[in-house]
Amino acid sequence: MSPINSRELLAKIQNGEELNLLDVREKIEYHTYNIGGKNIPLSALNNNINHLGYNKTDEIIVICKVGLRSETARAILIQNGYQQARNLTGGLMALQKLTQ
């Protein structure tokens, strides 16, 4: 599944689409700034992979600060059978730049 860029994600948010967001930053980062979704830090993802609450066919947009941890998390999801995991390229930093 191809990555999603910040413009595409912003359009989905503005259109009111129901999104499956998985934020893989640490809890302190998530509580400092987030756009919603589930917060499961990358370090805890393997232990929680069977408790995500998503269907394996759902589109899941994986987010982090700049897109590196979320790409790793996306690969873990794909390895575990999640077919439509997408990485937010540029992460939340890119999204914040659009909305400033």
N, C-alpha and C. Protein backbone atom coordinates (compact mmCIF):
# COMPACT_ATOMS: atom_id res chain seq x y z
N MET A 1 0.86 -1.18 0.00
CA MET A 1 0.00 0.00 0.00
C MET A 1 0.90 1.24 0.00
N SER A 2 0.55 2.18 -0.81
CA SER A 2 1.39 3.38 -0.94
C SER A 2 1.26 4.27 0.29
N PRO A 3 2.30 5.06 0.56
CA PRO A 3 2.22 6.00 1.68
C PRO A 3 1.17 7.07 1.42
N ILE A 4 0.86 7.81 2.45
CA ILE A 4 -0.06 8.94 2.33
C ILE A 4 0.72 10.19 2.71
N ASN A 5 0.51 11.27 1.96
CA ASN A 5 1.21 12.50 2.31
C ASN A 5 0.30 13.40 3.15
N SER A 6 0.89 14.45 3.69
CA SER A 6 0.16 15.31 4.62
C SER A 6 -1.04 15.99 3.96
N ARG A 7 -0.92 16.36 2.69
CA ARG A 7 -2.05 17.00 2.00
C ARG A 7 -3.23 16.04 1.86
N GLU A 8 -2.94 14.79 1.50
CA GLU A 8 -4.00 13.78 1.39
C GLU A 8 -4.68 13.56 2.74
N LEU A 9 -3.88 13.44 3.79
CA LEU A 9 -4.45 13.21 5.12
C LEU A 9 -5.29 14.40 5.57
N LEU A 10 -4.79 15.60 5.37
CA LEU A 10 -5.53 16.80 5.75
C LEU A 10 -6.88 16.85 5.02
N ALA A 11 -6.89 16.49 3.74
CA ALA A 11 -8.15 16.47 2.98
C ALA A 11 -9.14 15.46 3.57
N LYS A 12 -8.63 14.28 3.96
CA LYS A 12 -9.50 13.27 4.57
C LYS A 12 -10.09 13.79 5.89
N ILE A 13 -9.24 14.46 6.69
CA ILE A 13 -9.70 15.01 7.98
C ILE A 13 -10.76 16.09 7.73
N GLN A 14 -10.49 17.00 6.79
CA GLN A 14 -11.41 18.09 6.51
C GLN A 14 -12.72 17.59 5.91
N ASN A 15 -12.68 16.46 5.20
CA ASN A 15 -13.89 15.87 4.63
C ASN A 15 -14.69 15.08 5.66
N GLY A 16 -14.14 14.98 6.88
CA GLY A 16 -14.85 14.27 7.93
C GLY A 16 -14.82 12.75 7.80
N GLU A 17 -13.84 12.24 7.04
CA GLU A 17 -13.75 10.80 6.87
C GLU A 17 -13.41 10.14 8.20
N GLU A 18 -13.96 8.96 8.41
CA GLU A 18 -13.62 8.19 9.60
C GLU A 18 -12.30 7.49 9.32
N LEU A 19 -11.30 7.80 10.13
CA LEU A 19 -9.95 7.31 9.88
C LEU A 19 -9.48 6.37 10.99
N ASN A 20 -8.70 5.39 10.62
CA ASN A 20 -8.03 4.53 11.59
C ASN A 20 -6.60 5.04 11.70
N LEU A 21 -6.36 5.86 12.73
CA LEU A 21 -5.03 6.43 12.94
C LEU A 21 -4.33 5.65 14.05
N LEU A 22 -3.09 5.28 13.78
CA LEU A 22 -2.26 4.62 14.78
C LEU A 22 -1.02 5.47 14.98
N ASP A 23 -0.94 6.11 16.14
CA ASP A 23 0.17 7.00 16.48
C ASP A 23 1.18 6.18 17.27
N VAL A 24 2.40 6.02 16.72
CA VAL A 24 3.40 5.15 17.35
C VAL A 24 4.47 5.92 18.12
N ARG A 25 4.18 7.18 18.43
CA ARG A 25 5.10 7.96 19.26
C ARG A 25 4.95 7.54 20.72
N GLU A 26 5.90 7.96 21.53
CA GLU A 26 5.82 7.68 22.97
C GLU A 26 4.65 8.47 23.57
N LYS A 27 4.14 8.00 24.68
CA LYS A 27 2.94 8.60 25.29
C LYS A 27 3.11 10.09 25.59
N ILE A 28 4.27 10.51 26.06
CA ILE A 28 4.50 11.93 26.36
C ILE A 28 4.38 12.78 25.10
N GLU A 29 4.89 12.26 23.98
CA GLU A 29 4.77 12.99 22.70
C GLU A 29 3.31 13.08 22.28
N TYR A 30 2.59 11.97 22.44
CA TYR A 30 1.18 11.93 22.05
C TYR A 30 0.37 12.94 22.87
N HIS A 31 0.63 13.00 24.17
CA HIS A 31 -0.14 13.90 25.03
C HIS A 31 0.24 15.36 24.82
N THR A 32 1.43 15.61 24.29
CA THR A 32 1.85 16.98 23.99
C THR A 32 1.12 17.52 22.77
N TYR A 33 0.97 16.69 21.74
CA TYR A 33 0.26 17.07 20.50
C TYR A 33 -0.19 15.81 19.79
N ASN A 34 -1.46 15.76 19.40
CA ASN A 34 -1.93 14.62 18.61
C ASN A 34 -3.14 15.02 17.77
N ILE A 35 -3.44 14.20 16.79
CA ILE A 35 -4.61 14.43 15.94
C ILE A 35 -5.64 13.32 16.15
N GLY A 36 -5.53 12.64 17.28
CA GLY A 36 -6.46 11.56 17.59
C GLY A 36 -5.88 10.21 17.22
N GLY A 37 -6.71 9.22 17.25
CA GLY A 37 -6.28 7.86 16.94
C GLY A 37 -5.75 7.15 18.17
N LYS A 38 -5.36 5.91 17.96
CA LYS A 38 -4.81 5.09 19.03
C LYS A 38 -3.34 5.41 19.19
N ASN A 39 -2.89 5.42 20.44
CA ASN A 39 -1.48 5.64 20.72
C ASN A 39 -0.88 4.35 21.26
N ILE A 40 -0.11 3.69 20.41
CA ILE A 40 0.66 2.52 20.84
C ILE A 40 2.10 2.77 20.41
N PRO A 41 2.97 3.09 21.37
CA PRO A 41 4.37 3.38 21.01
C PRO A 41 4.98 2.22 20.23
N LEU A 42 5.86 2.56 19.29
CA LEU A 42 6.52 1.55 18.47
C LEU A 42 7.12 0.45 19.33
N SER A 43 7.72 0.83 20.46
CA SER A 43 8.37 -0.15 21.34
C SER A 43 7.38 -1.17 21.90
N ALA A 44 6.09 -0.84 21.93
CA ALA A 44 5.07 -1.75 22.48
C ALA A 44 4.22 -2.41 21.40
N LEU A 45 4.47 -2.08 20.13
CA LEU A 45 3.59 -2.56 19.05
C LEU A 45 3.57 -4.07 18.93
N ASN A 46 4.74 -4.71 18.94
CA ASN A 46 4.77 -6.17 18.79
C ASN A 46 3.96 -6.87 19.87
N ASN A 47 4.03 -6.36 21.10
CA ASN A 47 3.30 -6.98 22.21
C ASN A 47 1.80 -6.74 22.14
N ASN A 48 1.39 -5.73 21.38
CA ASN A 48 -0.04 -5.37 21.31
C ASN A 48 -0.65 -5.63 19.94
N ILE A 49 0.08 -6.26 19.05
CA ILE A 49 -0.35 -6.40 17.65
C ILE A 49 -1.70 -7.12 17.53
N ASN A 50 -1.99 -8.04 18.45
CA ASN A 50 -3.25 -8.78 18.37
C ASN A 50 -4.39 -8.08 19.09
N HIS A 51 -4.13 -6.90 19.63
CA HIS A 51 -5.15 -6.16 20.37
C HIS A 51 -5.39 -4.77 19.78
N LEU A 52 -5.12 -4.61 18.49
CA LEU A 52 -5.26 -3.29 17.87
C LEU A 52 -6.72 -2.89 17.70
N GLY A 53 -7.59 -3.86 17.46
CA GLY A 53 -9.00 -3.56 17.26
C GLY A 53 -9.34 -3.18 15.83
N TYR A 54 -8.39 -3.37 14.91
CA TYR A 54 -8.64 -3.10 13.50
C TYR A 54 -8.80 -4.43 12.76
N ASN A 55 -9.60 -4.42 11.69
CA ASN A 55 -9.65 -5.57 10.81
C ASN A 55 -8.40 -5.57 9.95
N LYS A 56 -7.97 -6.73 9.54
CA LYS A 56 -6.74 -6.83 8.73
C LYS A 56 -6.91 -6.19 7.35
N THR A 57 -8.16 -5.91 6.96
CA THR A 57 -8.40 -5.27 5.66
C THR A 57 -8.67 -3.77 5.78
N ASP A 58 -8.72 -3.24 7.01
CA ASP A 58 -8.95 -1.80 7.21
C ASP A 58 -7.75 -0.98 6.74
N GLU A 59 -8.02 0.21 6.22
CA GLU A 59 -6.94 1.15 5.97
C GLU A 59 -6.52 1.71 7.32
N ILE A 60 -5.24 1.59 7.63
CA ILE A 60 -4.68 2.10 8.88
C ILE A 60 -3.59 3.11 8.50
N ILE A 61 -3.71 4.33 8.97
CA ILE A 61 -2.71 5.35 8.70
C ILE A 61 -1.82 5.44 9.94
N VAL A 62 -0.55 5.10 9.75
CA VAL A 62 0.40 5.06 10.86
C VAL A 62 1.16 6.38 10.87
N ILE A 63 1.19 7.01 12.06
CA ILE A 63 1.80 8.34 12.16
C ILE A 63 2.81 8.40 13.30
N CYS A 64 3.78 9.28 13.13
CA CYS A 64 4.75 9.61 14.17
C CYS A 64 5.22 11.04 13.92
N LYS A 65 6.33 11.43 14.47
CA LYS A 65 6.77 12.82 14.34
C LYS A 65 7.23 13.16 12.92
N VAL A 66 8.12 12.34 12.34
CA VAL A 66 8.65 12.66 11.00
C VAL A 66 8.48 11.54 9.98
N GLY A 67 7.90 10.41 10.38
CA GLY A 67 7.63 9.34 9.41
C GLY A 67 8.58 8.16 9.46
N LEU A 68 9.57 8.17 10.36
CA LEU A 68 10.51 7.05 10.42
C LEU A 68 9.98 5.91 11.28
N ARG A 69 9.56 6.21 12.49
CA ARG A 69 8.99 5.16 13.35
C ARG A 69 7.72 4.59 12.74
N SER A 70 6.93 5.45 12.12
CA SER A 70 5.68 4.96 11.53
C SER A 70 5.94 4.03 10.34
N GLU A 71 7.03 4.25 9.62
CA GLU A 71 7.37 3.34 8.52
C GLU A 71 7.77 1.98 9.08
N THR A 72 8.50 1.97 10.16
CA THR A 72 8.85 0.70 10.82
C THR A 72 7.59 0.00 11.30
N ALA A 73 6.69 0.75 11.92
CA ALA A 73 5.43 0.19 12.41
C ALA A 73 4.58 -0.34 11.26
N ARG A 74 4.57 0.39 10.15
CA ARG A 74 3.81 -0.06 8.97
C ARG A 74 4.33 -1.42 8.51
N ALA A 75 5.64 -1.59 8.48
CA ALA A 75 6.23 -2.86 8.06
C ALA A 75 5.84 -3.99 9.01
N ILE A 76 5.80 -3.70 10.31
CA ILE A 76 5.38 -4.70 11.30
C ILE A 76 3.93 -5.10 11.07
N LEU A 77 3.08 -4.11 10.80
CA LEU A 77 1.67 -4.41 10.53
C LEU A 77 1.52 -5.29 9.29
N ILE A 78 2.23 -4.95 8.22
CA ILE A 78 2.17 -5.74 6.99
C ILE A 78 2.62 -7.18 7.25
N GLN A 79 3.72 -7.34 8.00
CA GLN A 79 4.22 -8.68 8.34
C GLN A 79 3.19 -9.47 9.14
N ASN A 80 2.32 -8.78 9.84
CA ASN A 80 1.30 -9.45 10.65
C ASN A 80 -0.05 -9.52 9.96
N GLY A 81 -0.08 -9.30 8.66
CA GLY A 81 -1.29 -9.53 7.88
C GLY A 81 -2.19 -8.34 7.67
N TYR A 82 -1.82 -7.16 8.16
CA TYR A 82 -2.63 -5.96 7.92
C TYR A 82 -2.30 -5.48 6.50
N GLN A 83 -3.30 -5.52 5.63
CA GLN A 83 -3.06 -5.35 4.20
C GLN A 83 -3.00 -3.90 3.75
N GLN A 84 -3.60 -2.97 4.49
CA GLN A 84 -3.69 -1.59 4.02
C GLN A 84 -3.10 -0.59 5.01
N ALA A 85 -1.94 -0.93 5.58
CA ALA A 85 -1.26 -0.01 6.47
C ALA A 85 -0.51 1.01 5.62
N ARG A 86 -0.69 2.29 5.93
CA ARG A 86 -0.06 3.37 5.16
C ARG A 86 0.72 4.28 6.10
N ASN A 87 1.90 4.66 5.68
CA ASN A 87 2.74 5.56 6.45
C ASN A 87 2.47 7.01 6.05
N LEU A 88 2.36 7.89 7.05
CA LEU A 88 2.25 9.32 6.78
C LEU A 88 3.66 9.85 6.53
N THR A 89 3.99 10.13 5.27
CA THR A 89 5.32 10.63 4.94
C THR A 89 5.50 12.03 5.50
N GLY A 90 6.64 12.25 6.12
CA GLY A 90 6.91 13.53 6.75
C GLY A 90 6.31 13.67 8.13
N GLY A 91 5.47 12.72 8.51
CA GLY A 91 4.89 12.68 9.84
C GLY A 91 4.06 13.90 10.21
N LEU A 92 3.85 14.04 11.50
CA LEU A 92 3.04 15.14 12.01
C LEU A 92 3.70 16.50 11.77
N MET A 93 5.02 16.51 11.63
CA MET A 93 5.72 17.77 11.34
C MET A 93 5.23 18.33 10.00
N ALA A 94 5.10 17.47 9.01
CA ALA A 94 4.63 17.91 7.69
C ALA A 94 3.18 18.37 7.77
N LEU A 95 2.37 17.68 8.54
CA LEU A 95 0.97 18.06 8.69
C LEU A 95 0.85 19.41 9.39
N GLN A 96 1.65 19.63 10.43
CA GLN A 96 1.62 20.91 11.15
C GLN A 96 2.03 22.06 10.25
N LYS A 97 2.98 21.84 9.36
CA LYS A 97 3.41 22.90 8.45
C LYS A 97 2.27 23.37 7.55
N LEU A 98 1.40 22.42 7.16
CA LEU A 98 0.26 22.77 6.31
C LEU A 98 -0.79 23.58 7.04
N THR A 99 -0.90 23.36 8.33
CA THR A 99 -2.00 23.97 9.08
C THR A 99 -1.59 25.23 9.85
N GLN A 100 -0.36 25.65 9.72
CA GLN A 100 0.11 26.86 10.42
C GLN A 100 -0.27 28.11 9.65
